[in-house]
N, C-alpha and C. Protein backbone atom coordinates (compact mmCIF):
# COMPACT_ATOMS: atom_id res chain seq x y z
N UNK A 1 67.90 124.85 80.70
CA UNK A 1 67.92 123.56 80.89
C UNK A 1 69.34 123.42 80.50
N UNK A 2 69.70 123.41 80.22
CA UNK A 2 71.53 122.63 79.46
C UNK A 2 72.08 122.70 80.98
N UNK A 3 72.03 123.38 81.94
CA UNK A 3 73.12 122.91 82.61
C UNK A 3 72.38 121.83 83.73
N UNK A 4 71.03 122.15 84.09
CA UNK A 4 70.79 120.26 84.29
C UNK A 4 70.84 119.13 84.02
N UNK A 5 71.17 119.00 82.48
CA UNK A 5 71.62 117.92 81.57
C UNK A 5 73.05 117.90 82.14
N UNK A 6 73.93 118.75 81.90
CA UNK A 6 75.65 118.80 82.39
C UNK A 6 75.73 117.67 83.63
N UNK A 7 74.40 118.85 85.24
CA UNK A 7 74.81 118.10 86.29
C UNK A 7 74.48 117.21 86.20
N UNK A 8 73.68 116.32 85.37
CA UNK A 8 72.40 115.02 85.71
C UNK A 8 74.12 114.70 85.32
N UNK A 9 74.19 115.00 84.49
CA UNK A 9 75.75 113.32 83.63
C UNK A 9 76.30 113.91 83.84
N UNK A 10 77.54 114.77 84.94
CA UNK A 10 78.25 113.97 85.73
C UNK A 10 77.65 113.24 86.33
N UNK A 11 76.41 113.79 87.27
CA UNK A 11 76.28 113.24 88.21
C UNK A 11 76.52 111.48 87.95
N UNK A 12 76.31 111.40 86.87
CA UNK A 12 75.81 109.32 86.00
C UNK A 12 77.71 109.01 86.77
N UNK A 13 78.32 109.73 85.72
CA UNK A 13 79.66 109.96 85.55
C UNK A 13 80.66 109.75 87.00
N UNK A 14 79.95 110.00 88.01
CA UNK A 14 80.21 110.14 89.26
C UNK A 14 79.88 108.34 90.05
N UNK A 15 78.61 108.12 89.73
CA UNK A 15 77.89 106.71 90.57
C UNK A 15 78.45 105.89 89.60
N UNK A 16 79.17 105.93 87.99
CA UNK A 16 80.09 105.10 87.02
C UNK A 16 81.20 104.91 88.06
N UNK A 17 82.00 106.19 88.75
CA UNK A 17 83.23 105.63 89.06
C UNK A 17 82.80 105.36 90.26
N UNK A 18 82.14 105.54 91.57
CA UNK A 18 81.71 104.77 92.56
C UNK A 18 81.56 103.34 92.05
N UNK A 19 80.38 102.72 91.21
CA UNK A 19 80.15 101.35 91.36
C UNK A 19 81.78 100.83 90.79
N UNK A 20 82.65 100.93 89.56
CA UNK A 20 83.76 100.62 89.88
C UNK A 20 84.94 100.29 90.58
N UNK A 21 84.79 101.54 92.06
CA UNK A 21 85.53 101.84 93.27
C UNK A 21 85.07 100.33 94.00
N UNK A 22 83.91 100.63 93.74
CA UNK A 22 83.22 99.05 94.32
C UNK A 22 84.00 98.08 94.92
N UNK A 23 83.99 97.83 92.65
CA UNK A 23 83.83 97.00 92.66
C UNK A 23 85.34 96.22 92.93
N UNK A 24 86.68 97.74 92.75
CA UNK A 24 87.95 97.35 92.54
C UNK A 24 88.28 97.40 94.76
N UNK A 25 87.87 98.10 94.87
CA UNK A 25 87.77 97.90 96.26
C UNK A 25 87.29 96.24 96.50
N UNK A 26 86.48 95.87 96.99
CA UNK A 26 86.14 94.98 96.83
C UNK A 26 87.19 93.13 97.21
N UNK A 27 87.06 93.35 94.93
CA UNK A 27 88.31 92.52 95.29
C UNK A 27 89.74 92.67 96.11
N UNK A 28 89.77 94.32 95.82
CA UNK A 28 91.24 94.24 96.74
C UNK A 28 91.20 93.54 98.60
N UNK A 29 89.93 93.49 99.40
CA UNK A 29 89.60 93.88 99.77
C UNK A 29 89.95 91.92 101.29
N UNK A 30 89.02 91.08 99.39
CA UNK A 30 89.15 89.62 99.72
C UNK A 30 91.13 88.99 99.45
N UNK A 31 91.29 89.99 99.35
CA UNK A 31 93.12 90.06 99.20
C UNK A 31 93.41 89.27 97.58
N UNK A 32 92.70 89.60 97.43
CA UNK A 32 93.03 89.48 95.85
C UNK A 32 93.03 90.53 94.66
N UNK A 33 93.96 90.10 93.47
CA UNK A 33 93.62 91.19 92.53
C UNK A 33 95.06 92.52 93.02
N UNK A 34 95.96 91.70 92.36
CA UNK A 34 97.40 92.58 93.02
C UNK A 34 97.74 92.66 92.25
N UNK A 35 97.71 92.98 90.70
CA UNK A 35 97.68 93.13 89.57
C UNK A 35 96.90 94.45 90.09
N UNK A 36 96.02 95.07 89.92
CA UNK A 36 95.24 96.70 89.84
C UNK A 36 96.17 97.14 90.98
N UNK A 37 97.33 96.95 91.33
CA UNK A 37 98.35 97.49 92.32
C UNK A 37 99.30 98.05 91.43
N UNK A 38 99.63 99.45 90.72
CA UNK A 38 100.40 100.34 89.72
C UNK A 38 102.28 99.81 90.84
N UNK A 39 102.23 99.33 90.25
CA UNK A 39 104.68 98.95 91.29
C UNK A 39 104.47 97.68 91.07
N UNK A 40 103.52 97.68 92.02
CA UNK A 40 103.33 95.91 91.79
C UNK A 40 103.36 94.56 91.19
N UNK A 41 102.58 95.05 90.29
CA UNK A 41 102.61 94.31 89.06
C UNK A 41 103.27 94.00 88.29
N UNK A 42 104.62 95.69 87.97
CA UNK A 42 105.95 95.61 86.94
C UNK A 42 106.90 94.71 87.75
N UNK A 43 106.37 94.23 88.85
CA UNK A 43 107.57 94.65 89.91
C UNK A 43 108.18 92.79 89.11
N UNK A 44 109.54 92.60 90.19
CA UNK A 44 110.44 91.22 89.33
C UNK A 44 110.15 91.07 90.11
N UNK A 45 109.85 89.02 89.92
CA UNK A 45 109.54 88.35 90.56
C UNK A 45 110.58 88.42 92.16
N UNK A 46 111.26 89.17 92.30
CA UNK A 46 112.42 88.30 93.61
C UNK A 46 111.93 90.02 94.31
N UNK A 47 111.21 90.95 93.68
CA UNK A 47 111.18 92.54 94.37
C UNK A 47 109.57 91.96 94.85
N UNK A 48 108.29 91.69 93.84
CA UNK A 48 107.10 91.10 95.14
C UNK A 48 107.28 89.43 95.68
N UNK A 49 108.01 89.06 96.40
CA UNK A 49 108.61 88.09 96.74
C UNK A 49 109.23 89.52 98.73
N UNK A 50 109.64 90.14 98.24
CA UNK A 50 109.32 91.24 99.68
C UNK A 50 107.66 91.62 100.70
N UNK A 51 107.41 91.21 99.94
CA UNK A 51 105.65 92.02 100.18
C UNK A 51 104.70 90.44 100.45
N UNK A 52 104.01 90.68 101.36
CA UNK A 52 102.89 89.90 101.93
C UNK A 52 101.36 90.36 101.02
N UNK A 53 101.02 89.41 99.95
CA UNK A 53 100.53 90.03 99.09
C UNK A 53 98.96 90.50 99.29
N UNK A 54 98.90 89.48 100.18
CA UNK A 54 97.16 89.42 101.09
C UNK A 54 96.60 91.00 101.95
N UNK A 55 97.84 91.47 102.64
CA UNK A 55 98.19 92.15 103.58
C UNK A 55 98.44 94.08 102.41
N UNK A 56 98.91 93.83 101.23
CA UNK A 56 98.84 94.46 100.41
C UNK A 56 97.62 95.35 99.96
N UNK A 57 97.79 94.18 99.20
CA UNK A 57 95.18 93.70 99.15
C UNK A 57 94.74 94.37 99.64
N UNK A 58 94.71 94.15 101.01
CA UNK A 58 93.92 94.76 102.52
C UNK A 58 94.20 95.85 102.40
N UNK A 59 95.42 96.90 102.79
CA UNK A 59 95.81 98.35 102.67
C UNK A 59 95.65 99.44 101.25
N UNK A 60 96.23 98.67 99.80
CA UNK A 60 95.10 99.60 99.10
C UNK A 60 93.07 99.45 98.84
N UNK A 61 92.89 98.27 99.34
CA UNK A 61 91.61 97.85 98.90
C UNK A 61 90.68 98.65 100.16
N UNK A 62 91.20 98.99 101.12
CA UNK A 62 91.02 99.97 102.27
C UNK A 62 91.02 101.42 102.33
N UNK A 63 92.06 101.68 100.93
CA UNK A 63 92.52 102.84 100.31
C UNK A 63 91.69 103.46 100.19
N UNK A 64 90.99 102.65 98.94
CA UNK A 64 90.25 102.76 97.90
C UNK A 64 88.39 102.64 97.83
N UNK A 65 88.87 102.08 98.77
CA UNK A 65 87.24 101.91 99.76
C UNK A 65 86.88 103.78 100.18
N UNK A 66 87.81 103.78 101.63
CA UNK A 66 87.74 105.12 101.47
C UNK A 66 87.43 106.64 100.39
N UNK A 67 88.33 106.04 99.33
CA UNK A 67 88.09 107.44 98.28
C UNK A 67 86.98 107.40 97.63
N UNK A 68 86.31 106.33 97.68
CA UNK A 68 85.62 105.31 96.77
C UNK A 68 84.17 106.83 97.91
N UNK A 69 84.32 106.10 98.95
CA UNK A 69 83.39 106.98 100.06
C UNK A 69 82.90 108.03 100.19
N UNK A 70 85.08 108.93 99.89
CA UNK A 70 83.91 109.88 99.67
C UNK A 70 83.14 110.12 98.09
N UNK A 71 84.11 110.05 96.97
CA UNK A 71 82.91 109.88 95.98
C UNK A 71 81.97 109.98 95.40
N UNK A 72 81.35 108.88 96.70
CA UNK A 72 80.04 108.60 96.71
C UNK A 72 79.03 109.58 97.72
N UNK A 73 79.97 110.21 98.72
CA UNK A 73 79.03 111.55 99.36
C UNK A 73 78.86 112.58 98.57
N UNK A 74 79.72 112.84 97.35
CA UNK A 74 79.70 113.97 96.05
C UNK A 74 79.39 113.98 95.51
N UNK A 75 78.42 112.58 95.00
CA UNK A 75 77.86 111.78 94.05
C UNK A 75 76.13 112.61 94.67
N UNK A 76 75.87 112.15 95.92
CA UNK A 76 74.71 112.10 96.68
C UNK A 76 74.28 113.65 97.09
N UNK A 77 75.49 114.16 97.89
CA UNK A 77 75.10 115.68 98.09
C UNK A 77 75.45 117.13 96.76
N UNK A 78 76.08 116.71 96.06
CA UNK A 78 76.30 117.02 95.14
C UNK A 78 75.77 118.61 94.79
N UNK A 79 74.29 119.15 95.10
CA UNK A 79 73.84 120.48 95.12
C UNK A 79 74.32 120.72 97.02
N UNK A 80 74.50 120.45 97.89
CA UNK A 80 74.08 120.74 98.74
C UNK A 80 75.70 120.65 99.71
N UNK A 81 76.40 120.60 98.85
CA UNK A 81 78.24 120.33 100.00
C UNK A 81 78.49 121.61 100.09
N UNK A 82 79.38 121.34 101.39
CA UNK A 82 79.49 123.33 101.64
C UNK A 82 81.31 123.61 100.74
N UNK A 83 81.18 125.26 100.25
CA UNK A 83 82.20 125.16 99.66
C UNK A 83 83.52 124.93 100.32
N UNK A 84 83.66 124.48 101.45
CA UNK A 84 85.07 124.04 101.76
C UNK A 84 84.94 122.43 101.63
N UNK A 85 84.20 122.04 101.07
CA UNK A 85 84.33 120.49 100.68
C UNK A 85 85.26 120.10 99.93
N UNK A 86 85.45 120.65 99.17
CA UNK A 86 86.81 120.06 97.94
C UNK A 86 88.54 120.32 98.50
N UNK A 87 88.49 121.22 99.34
CA UNK A 87 89.71 120.88 100.10
C UNK A 87 89.74 119.94 101.40
N UNK A 88 88.43 119.74 101.57
CA UNK A 88 88.37 118.61 102.61
C UNK A 88 88.66 117.31 102.03
N UNK A 89 88.13 116.93 100.43
CA UNK A 89 87.98 116.11 99.64
C UNK A 89 89.76 115.55 99.46
N UNK A 90 89.93 116.90 98.78
CA UNK A 90 91.72 116.33 98.82
C UNK A 90 92.65 116.65 99.69
N UNK A 91 92.14 117.02 100.90
CA UNK A 91 92.80 116.71 101.76
C UNK A 91 92.84 114.89 102.44
N UNK A 92 91.83 115.30 102.82
CA UNK A 92 91.26 113.48 103.05
C UNK A 92 92.38 112.45 101.94
N UNK A 93 91.60 112.83 100.66
CA UNK A 93 92.58 112.03 99.16
C UNK A 93 94.12 111.65 99.19
N UNK A 94 94.80 113.25 99.56
CA UNK A 94 95.69 113.13 100.23
C UNK A 94 97.04 111.93 101.11
N UNK A 95 96.13 112.32 102.26
CA UNK A 95 96.37 111.57 103.19
C UNK A 95 96.36 110.06 103.42
N UNK A 96 95.14 109.84 102.30
CA UNK A 96 94.69 108.16 102.13
C UNK A 96 96.05 108.19 101.39
N UNK A 97 96.47 108.60 100.79
CA UNK A 97 97.96 108.02 99.16
C UNK A 97 99.15 107.83 100.33
N UNK A 98 99.33 108.94 101.01
CA UNK A 98 100.77 108.78 101.77
C UNK A 98 100.30 107.54 102.44
N UNK A 99 98.81 107.58 103.43
CA UNK A 99 98.74 106.39 104.39
C UNK A 99 98.97 104.60 103.54
N UNK A 100 98.55 104.98 102.73
CA UNK A 100 98.22 103.56 101.77
C UNK A 100 100.54 103.66 101.08
N UNK A 101 100.69 104.83 101.02
CA UNK A 101 102.63 104.08 100.48
C UNK A 101 103.19 104.06 102.19
N UNK A 102 103.07 104.84 103.01
CA UNK A 102 103.69 103.78 104.13
C UNK A 102 103.09 102.97 104.57
N UNK A 103 102.01 102.51 104.84
CA UNK A 103 101.68 101.39 105.36
C UNK A 103 102.19 99.97 104.04
N UNK A 104 102.10 99.81 102.95
CA UNK A 104 102.74 99.46 102.01
C UNK A 104 104.21 99.09 102.26
N UNK A 105 104.89 100.51 102.65
CA UNK A 105 106.64 100.01 102.88
C UNK A 105 106.70 99.45 104.17
N UNK A 106 105.70 99.14 104.78
CA UNK A 106 105.93 98.58 106.68
C UNK A 106 105.96 97.57 106.99
N UNK A 107 103.68 97.13 106.46
CA UNK A 107 103.52 96.19 107.42
C UNK A 107 103.18 95.43 106.83
N UNK A 108 103.44 95.77 105.23
CA UNK A 108 103.41 94.88 103.40
C UNK A 108 104.55 94.28 103.39
N UNK A 109 105.28 94.39 104.26
CA UNK A 109 106.42 93.77 103.79
C UNK A 109 107.14 92.59 105.50
N UNK A 110 107.37 91.09 104.33
CA UNK A 110 107.79 90.42 104.61
C UNK A 110 109.43 90.88 105.50
């Protein structure tokens, strides 16, 4: 019975993360919420002028959406995921982070 309570508690936490991720993704995909982007929100005004803020928000929002979907899949199928899923999960998150960095420094620059 105790193990069940832990599993349910962690699943609730995952769904909270999914909801928060979906909200942040929606804001970023709308082209707003640049203050959510680490590094950009602390950059000087001269540094910020080098970037197209809407493109940067959309690139970051797309990456956040992919990661949020992965977490949602983990929450939905937590009991039925194969043993190799954590490796796939980690690999996709790494690839998304690399893609965000590369795209932010290429297509998002003015």
